[in-house]
Amino acid sequence: MTQSHRPPSPDPRWQRLRELAGLVGRTPLLALRLRYRGREACIYAKAESFNLTGSIKDRMALHILAAGLSSGQLRQGALVTEATSGNAGIAITAMATAIGHPVKIFMPDWMSAERIALMRLYGAEVELVSHAQGGFLGSIARTRELALEPGDCFLPSQFDNEANAQAHEEGTAVELLAQLASRGLKPDAFIAGVGTGGTVLGVSRALRKSCPGAQVYPLEPAESPTLSTGHKVGKHRIQGISDEFIPALCRLDQLGPVVAVHDGDAILLAQRLARELGLGVGVSSGANLLGALTVQERLGPQAVVCTVLCDDNKKYLSTDLCREEPLRPGYLSPDIELIGLESIACPTPELAISA
């Protein structure tokens, strides 16, 4: 066979992405046992720090990059650029650089130092954007401006990319249902903070097919009720959710009522999860657990309410998570007694990705 008639060599990026796929998903489901306002309770939470770079965003990054390879939009050597509050940028950088792509990240300058350091460690060029320069919306605008410049550029566009929601519909939700089924359970509700909206939309789609009666609730900080008001209000300390707008993937008409929790309350509960149960989680995980208890109180003590522990606490060492947090009126965490946990392994097979 002559050189000109040889079949094209397989794209080596696929092989590397398949290797990484073995380290994404199939996370444990934790049955968190506690006592809330005098009653026994159990909340089921996916422990997402077990993913490749330590957060739930690895699921989204893997799906978006695989979709980009399949469609041909992610061309060899193209610059990958994204706006992020941290975890998504870390996940995208780790996987994109591993398959041979340069990465440039635009990020609000008030996010934790650990997030910035990790992205640079994985190989990204990070450009910080101040409030005066537009903050999060300004970061998104900079990615779009960069994409118009000469040269190949790939935008993951996590806030409106359907592959984001697909990652949770085909991964997170499938695992959750299988793990609950192994204990003879079905979910009555799922709740999670909204960053891109991919988690709540993807899980909602899966539950509508398998458990039509289950409700999915979006969560936001009480200090910054963006989902409830339709525009940015106030400031908050739950990094990764409630940025400065309602993402296109957050279809509020397909979800239950918005649940709000206080950021200080989330910090206090995340601190206690570390000290009392050995669970080193981020602030959004504390918020999700508070939201899950709020939903369970509405539905009844026997309701099977599920959520996600989005990431670990190592990205928050320079934040208020590692400082003394005052207790304020209206907080729920003082009414919570953490009792213990059980880890439920994931019975589903590893995610298979193919060209």
Protein backbone atom coordinates (compact mmCIF):
# COMPACT_ATOMS: atom_id res chain seq x y z
CA MET A 1 0.00 0.00 0.00
CA THR A 2 1.45 3.36 -0.97
CA GLN A 3 1.87 6.14 1.53
CA SER A 4 -0.94 8.18 -0.08
CA HIS A 5 -3.42 5.29 0.24
CA ARG A 6 -2.74 4.28 3.79
CA PRO A 7 -5.70 4.75 6.14
CA PRO A 8 -5.31 7.72 8.49
CA SER A 9 -3.67 6.99 11.82
CA PRO A 10 -6.03 6.92 14.77
CA ASP A 11 -6.10 10.18 16.68
CA PRO A 12 -3.86 9.64 19.75
CA ARG A 13 -5.97 12.13 21.68
CA TRP A 14 -8.76 9.55 21.93
CA GLN A 15 -6.51 7.01 23.62
CA ARG A 16 -5.43 9.52 26.26
CA LEU A 17 -9.01 10.66 26.84
CA ARG A 18 -10.11 7.03 27.29
CA GLU A 19 -7.37 6.58 29.88
CA LEU A 20 -8.62 9.60 31.79
CA ALA A 21 -12.23 8.42 31.52
CA GLY A 22 -11.37 5.53 33.81
CA LEU A 23 -10.74 8.12 36.54
CA VAL A 24 -14.02 10.00 36.09
CA GLY A 25 -17.34 8.98 37.59
CA ARG A 26 -18.41 5.85 39.49
CA THR A 27 -18.09 7.86 42.71
CA PRO A 28 -19.34 6.50 46.05
CA LEU A 29 -22.82 7.39 47.27
CA LEU A 30 -22.73 8.36 50.92
CA ALA A 31 -25.67 7.67 53.20
CA LEU A 32 -25.23 10.49 55.70
CA ARG A 33 -26.97 9.70 58.98
CA LEU A 34 -27.88 12.62 61.20
CA ARG A 35 -30.42 14.04 63.56
CA TYR A 36 -32.18 17.23 62.48
CA ARG A 37 -34.40 19.13 64.89
CA GLY A 38 -34.78 16.03 67.00
CA ARG A 39 -35.64 13.54 64.27
CA GLU A 40 -33.47 10.89 62.65
CA ALA A 41 -32.66 11.60 59.02
CA CYS A 42 -30.60 10.23 56.15
CA ILE A 43 -29.41 12.18 53.14
CA TYR A 44 -27.77 10.50 50.14
CA ALA A 45 -24.86 12.37 48.58
CA LYS A 46 -22.51 11.53 45.72
CA ALA A 47 -18.89 12.04 46.86
CA GLU A 48 -17.54 13.85 43.80
CA SER A 49 -14.07 14.58 45.17
CA PHE A 50 -13.18 11.05 44.02
CA ASN A 51 -13.06 12.28 40.42
CA LEU A 52 -9.79 12.90 38.56
CA THR A 53 -9.10 16.49 39.67
CA GLY A 54 -11.28 16.32 42.77
CA SER A 55 -14.63 17.71 41.66
CA ILE A 56 -17.88 16.99 39.83
CA LYS A 57 -16.68 19.19 36.96
CA ASP A 58 -14.50 16.37 35.66
CA ARG A 59 -17.67 14.73 34.33
CA MET A 60 -18.57 17.80 32.30
CA ALA A 61 -15.02 18.39 31.04
CA LEU A 62 -14.69 14.80 29.80
CA HIS A 63 -18.00 14.92 27.91
CA ILE A 64 -17.38 18.30 26.34
CA LEU A 65 -13.88 17.40 25.13
CA ALA A 66 -15.09 14.03 23.79
CA ALA A 67 -17.94 15.78 21.98
CA GLY A 68 -15.46 18.27 20.53
CA LEU A 69 -13.26 15.47 19.22
CA SER A 70 -16.23 13.58 17.77
CA SER A 71 -17.60 16.63 15.95
CA GLY A 72 -14.19 17.75 14.69
CA GLN A 73 -14.57 21.12 16.39
CA LEU A 74 -11.63 20.39 18.70
CA ARG A 75 -8.93 20.42 16.04
CA GLN A 76 -5.39 19.21 16.66
CA GLY A 77 -3.36 21.88 18.45
CA ALA A 78 -6.31 24.25 18.97
CA LEU A 79 -6.25 26.60 21.93
CA VAL A 80 -8.90 25.68 24.51
CA THR A 81 -10.26 28.72 26.33
CA GLU A 82 -12.91 28.94 29.03
CA ALA A 83 -14.32 31.24 31.70
CA THR A 84 -14.56 29.60 35.09
CA SER A 85 -14.91 30.12 38.81
CA GLY A 86 -12.40 27.32 39.38
CA ASN A 87 -13.35 23.65 39.32
CA ALA A 88 -14.40 23.60 35.67
CA GLY A 89 -11.22 25.36 34.65
CA ILE A 90 -9.12 22.90 36.63
CA ALA A 91 -10.90 19.91 35.05
CA ILE A 92 -10.78 21.28 31.51
CA THR A 93 -7.13 22.26 31.85
CA ALA A 94 -6.04 18.87 33.20
CA MET A 95 -7.75 16.93 30.41
CA ALA A 96 -7.10 19.33 27.54
CA THR A 97 -3.38 19.65 28.27
CA ALA A 98 -3.14 15.87 28.73
CA ILE A 99 -4.41 15.35 25.16
CA GLY A 100 -2.03 17.96 23.80
CA HIS A 101 -3.88 21.29 23.78
CA PRO A 102 -2.78 24.67 25.14
CA VAL A 103 -5.32 26.21 27.53
CA LYS A 104 -6.13 29.79 28.47
CA ILE A 105 -8.49 30.44 31.37
CA PHE A 106 -10.29 33.67 32.24
CA MET A 107 -11.39 33.86 35.84
CA PRO A 108 -12.76 36.43 38.32
CA ASP A 109 -9.94 37.63 40.53
CA TRP A 110 -11.80 37.00 43.79
CA MET A 111 -11.71 33.19 43.56
CA SER A 112 -9.42 31.18 45.83
CA ALA A 113 -5.66 31.22 45.35
CA GLU A 114 -5.65 27.41 45.32
CA ARG A 115 -7.86 27.33 42.22
CA ILE A 116 -5.54 29.66 40.33
CA ALA A 117 -2.45 27.73 41.40
CA LEU A 118 -3.93 24.37 40.38
CA MET A 119 -4.89 25.57 36.91
CA ARG A 120 -1.40 26.89 36.36
CA LEU A 121 0.06 23.65 37.72
CA TYR A 122 -1.97 21.68 35.15
CA GLY A 123 -0.57 23.95 32.44
CA ALA A 124 -3.10 26.73 31.84
CA GLU A 125 -2.38 30.36 31.22
CA VAL A 126 -4.69 32.13 33.68
CA GLU A 127 -5.88 35.70 33.19
CA LEU A 128 -7.70 37.22 36.16
CA VAL A 129 -10.62 39.58 35.55
CA SER A 130 -11.59 42.21 38.13
CA HIS A 131 -15.04 43.54 39.00
CA ALA A 132 -14.16 46.69 37.06
CA GLN A 133 -13.31 44.58 34.01
CA GLY A 134 -16.64 42.78 34.13
CA GLY A 135 -16.04 39.94 36.58
CA PHE A 136 -17.60 36.69 35.44
CA LEU A 137 -19.48 38.15 32.48
CA GLY A 138 -16.29 39.91 31.48
CA SER A 139 -14.44 36.58 31.63
CA ILE A 140 -16.96 34.99 29.27
CA ALA A 141 -16.69 37.96 26.92
CA ARG A 142 -12.89 37.59 26.82
CA THR A 143 -13.15 33.94 25.71
CA ARG A 144 -15.43 34.95 22.85
CA GLU A 145 -13.11 37.77 21.82
CA LEU A 146 -10.16 35.38 21.83
CA ALA A 147 -12.08 32.92 19.65
CA LEU A 148 -12.41 35.64 16.97
CA GLU A 149 -8.65 36.10 16.73
CA PRO A 150 -6.61 34.25 14.08
CA GLY A 151 -5.82 30.61 14.83
CA ASP A 152 -7.79 27.57 15.92
CA CYS A 153 -9.69 28.04 19.16
CA PHE A 154 -12.15 25.74 20.97
CA LEU A 155 -14.67 27.09 23.48
CA PRO A 156 -16.12 24.47 25.84
CA SER A 157 -18.91 26.99 26.59
CA GLN A 158 -19.90 25.11 29.72
CA PHE A 159 -22.85 27.38 30.49
CA ASP A 160 -24.78 26.47 27.34
CA ASN A 161 -23.17 23.27 26.06
CA GLU A 162 -25.64 20.37 26.07
CA ALA A 163 -22.76 17.92 26.59
CA ASN A 164 -22.54 19.36 30.12
CA ALA A 165 -26.08 18.26 31.00
CA GLN A 166 -25.57 14.99 29.12
CA ALA A 167 -22.65 14.12 31.40
CA HIS A 168 -25.02 14.15 34.37
CA GLU A 169 -27.99 12.57 32.61
CA GLU A 170 -25.88 9.62 31.42
CA GLY A 171 -23.39 9.52 34.30
CA THR A 172 -24.24 11.11 37.65
CA ALA A 173 -27.96 10.25 37.56
CA VAL A 174 -27.48 6.71 36.24
CA GLU A 175 -24.98 5.98 39.01
CA LEU A 176 -27.22 7.52 41.66
CA LEU A 177 -30.24 5.45 40.58
CA ALA A 178 -28.20 2.23 40.51
CA GLN A 179 -26.70 2.87 43.95
CA LEU A 180 -30.10 3.62 45.48
CA ALA A 181 -31.60 0.58 43.75
CA SER A 182 -28.93 -1.61 45.36
CA ARG A 183 -30.60 -0.67 48.67
CA GLY A 184 -34.14 -1.03 47.34
CA LEU A 185 -34.66 2.73 47.14
CA LYS A 186 -35.81 5.31 44.60
CA PRO A 187 -35.22 9.06 44.88
CA ASP A 188 -38.03 11.39 45.89
CA ALA A 189 -35.94 14.51 45.35
CA PHE A 190 -32.55 15.78 44.22
CA ILE A 191 -31.06 19.18 45.01
CA ALA A 192 -27.83 20.91 43.99
CA GLY A 193 -26.40 24.39 43.75
CA VAL A 194 -26.50 25.95 40.31
CA GLY A 195 -23.20 26.90 38.70
CA THR A 196 -23.77 26.09 35.04
CA GLY A 197 -27.07 24.32 35.64
CA GLY A 198 -25.72 21.17 34.00
CA THR A 199 -26.07 18.99 37.10
CA VAL A 200 -29.69 19.85 37.91
CA LEU A 201 -30.79 19.76 34.25
CA GLY A 202 -29.08 16.44 33.50
CA VAL A 203 -30.32 14.74 36.66
CA SER A 204 -33.81 16.16 36.09
CA ARG A 205 -33.96 14.65 32.61
CA ALA A 206 -32.91 11.24 33.88
CA LEU A 207 -35.34 11.26 36.80
CA ARG A 208 -38.27 12.28 34.60
CA LYS A 209 -37.72 9.03 32.68
CA SER A 210 -37.06 6.70 35.61
CA CYS A 211 -38.86 8.32 38.55
CA PRO A 212 -41.47 10.75 37.18
CA GLY A 213 -42.66 11.70 40.66
CA ALA A 214 -39.22 12.84 41.82
CA GLN A 215 -38.56 16.57 42.00
CA VAL A 216 -35.28 18.36 41.29
CA TYR A 217 -34.56 21.59 43.17
CA PRO A 218 -32.00 24.27 42.28
CA LEU A 219 -30.11 25.84 45.19
CA GLU A 220 -28.65 29.33 45.56
CA PRO A 221 -27.08 31.46 48.32
CA ALA A 222 -29.57 33.52 50.34
CA GLU A 223 -27.09 36.42 50.14
CA SER A 224 -27.21 36.46 46.32
CA PRO A 225 -30.59 35.24 45.02
CA THR A 226 -29.79 35.40 41.31
CA LEU A 227 -32.14 32.56 40.31
CA SER A 228 -35.02 33.98 42.32
CA THR A 229 -34.68 37.56 41.10
CA GLY A 230 -33.43 36.98 37.56
CA HIS A 231 -30.38 39.20 38.02
CA LYS A 232 -27.26 39.49 40.15
CA VAL A 233 -27.99 40.60 43.71
CA GLY A 234 -25.46 40.97 46.52
CA LYS A 235 -22.31 38.96 47.22
CA HIS A 236 -21.76 35.49 48.62
CA ARG A 237 -18.99 33.04 49.59
CA ILE A 238 -20.14 29.76 48.02
CA GLN A 239 -17.64 29.58 45.18
CA GLY A 240 -18.81 27.74 42.08
CA ILE A 241 -22.52 28.62 42.20
CA SER A 242 -24.68 31.70 41.61
CA ASP A 243 -22.17 33.59 39.52
CA GLU A 244 -23.60 36.70 37.86
CA PHE A 245 -26.38 35.41 35.63
CA ILE A 246 -28.82 32.55 35.06
CA PRO A 247 -27.08 30.03 32.77
CA ALA A 248 -28.86 28.83 29.63
CA LEU A 249 -28.70 25.25 30.94
CA CYS A 250 -30.68 26.17 34.05
CA ARG A 251 -34.24 25.59 32.79
CA LEU A 252 -36.12 26.81 35.84
CA ASP A 253 -39.46 25.85 34.27
CA GLN A 254 -38.34 22.20 34.40
CA LEU A 255 -37.29 22.33 38.06
CA GLY A 256 -38.83 22.66 41.48
CA PRO A 257 -38.82 25.82 43.60
CA VAL A 258 -35.46 27.45 44.29
CA VAL A 259 -34.03 26.68 47.74
CA ALA A 260 -31.83 29.29 49.43
CA VAL A 261 -29.24 28.74 52.17
CA HIS A 262 -26.89 31.14 53.94
CA ASP A 263 -23.22 31.01 52.97
CA GLY A 264 -22.06 31.22 56.60
CA ASP A 265 -24.32 28.30 57.48
CA ALA A 266 -22.79 26.30 54.59
CA ILE A 267 -19.29 27.11 55.86
CA LEU A 268 -20.14 25.98 59.38
CA LEU A 269 -21.60 22.68 58.19
CA ALA A 270 -18.66 22.01 55.85
CA GLN A 271 -16.30 22.62 58.78
CA ARG A 272 -18.25 20.16 60.93
CA LEU A 273 -18.31 17.50 58.19
CA ALA A 274 -14.50 17.61 58.25
CA ARG A 275 -14.12 17.65 62.04
CA GLU A 276 -16.84 15.17 62.96
CA LEU A 277 -17.04 12.75 60.02
CA GLY A 278 -13.66 13.16 58.34
CA LEU A 279 -15.29 14.43 55.14
CA GLY A 280 -13.14 17.18 53.69
CA VAL A 281 -15.59 18.99 51.41
CA GLY A 282 -16.00 22.47 49.97
CA VAL A 283 -18.50 25.14 50.95
CA SER A 284 -21.02 24.21 48.23
CA SER A 285 -21.20 20.71 49.72
CA GLY A 286 -22.27 22.17 53.04
CA ALA A 287 -24.85 24.25 51.18
CA ASN A 288 -26.19 21.22 49.31
CA LEU A 289 -26.59 19.23 52.52
CA LEU A 290 -28.48 22.12 54.14
CA GLY A 291 -30.71 22.34 51.09
CA ALA A 292 -31.35 18.60 51.13
CA LEU A 293 -32.49 18.76 54.75
CA THR A 294 -34.78 21.68 53.92
CA VAL A 295 -36.37 19.67 51.11
CA GLN A 296 -36.71 16.55 53.26
CA GLU A 297 -38.44 18.58 55.95
CA ARG A 298 -41.01 19.65 53.32
CA LEU A 299 -41.53 16.15 51.92
CA GLY A 300 -41.46 14.17 55.16
CA PRO A 301 -38.83 12.27 57.20
CA GLN A 302 -39.04 9.13 55.04
CA ALA A 303 -38.37 10.96 51.77
CA VAL A 304 -35.26 9.81 49.91
CA VAL A 305 -33.48 13.09 49.21
CA CYS A 306 -30.21 13.13 47.25
CA THR A 307 -27.51 15.67 46.50
CA VAL A 308 -23.82 15.95 45.58
CA LEU A 309 -20.73 16.80 47.60
CA CYS A 310 -19.16 18.71 44.74
CA ASP A 311 -15.49 18.86 45.68
CA ASP A 312 -12.94 18.63 48.46
CA ASN A 313 -11.77 21.26 50.94
CA LYS A 314 -8.24 21.59 49.57
CA LYS A 315 -9.26 24.35 47.13
CA TYR A 316 -10.45 26.51 50.05
CA LEU A 317 -7.44 26.70 52.36
CA SER A 318 -7.11 30.47 51.83
CA THR A 319 -10.84 31.16 52.27
CA ASP A 320 -13.29 31.57 55.13
CA LEU A 321 -13.72 27.80 55.24
CA CYS A 322 -10.48 27.72 57.22
CA ARG A 323 -11.41 30.60 59.52
CA GLU A 324 -13.71 30.90 62.49
CA GLU A 325 -17.25 31.56 61.27
CA PRO A 326 -19.78 33.33 63.53
CA LEU A 327 -23.13 31.73 64.22
CA ARG A 328 -26.05 33.91 63.14
CA PRO A 329 -29.82 33.79 63.72
CA GLY A 330 -31.69 31.67 61.21
CA TYR A 331 -28.87 29.20 60.58
CA LEU A 332 -29.85 25.54 60.33
CA SER A 333 -26.52 23.92 61.21
CA PRO A 334 -26.92 24.23 65.01
CA ASP A 335 -29.98 21.97 64.71
CA ILE A 336 -27.98 19.23 62.95
CA GLU A 337 -26.28 16.39 64.80
CA LEU A 338 -23.97 14.39 62.53
CA ILE A 339 -24.12 10.70 63.46
CA GLY A 340 -22.22 8.74 60.81
CA LEU A 341 -22.08 7.61 57.22
CA GLU A 342 -22.10 4.56 54.99
CA SER A 343 -20.41 4.38 51.61
CA ILE A 344 -22.34 2.68 48.78
CA ALA A 345 -20.13 1.55 45.90
CA CYS A 346 -21.12 2.23 42.31
CA PRO A 347 -22.24 -0.91 40.42
CA THR A 348 -22.33 0.70 36.95
CA PRO A 349 -19.48 0.04 34.46
CA GLU A 350 -16.84 2.60 33.59
CA LEU A 351 -17.91 5.24 31.12
CA ALA A 352 -17.01 4.25 27.56
CA ILE A 353 -16.17 7.06 25.16
CA SER A 354 -15.58 6.51 21.47
CA ALA A 355 -15.02 8.49 18.31
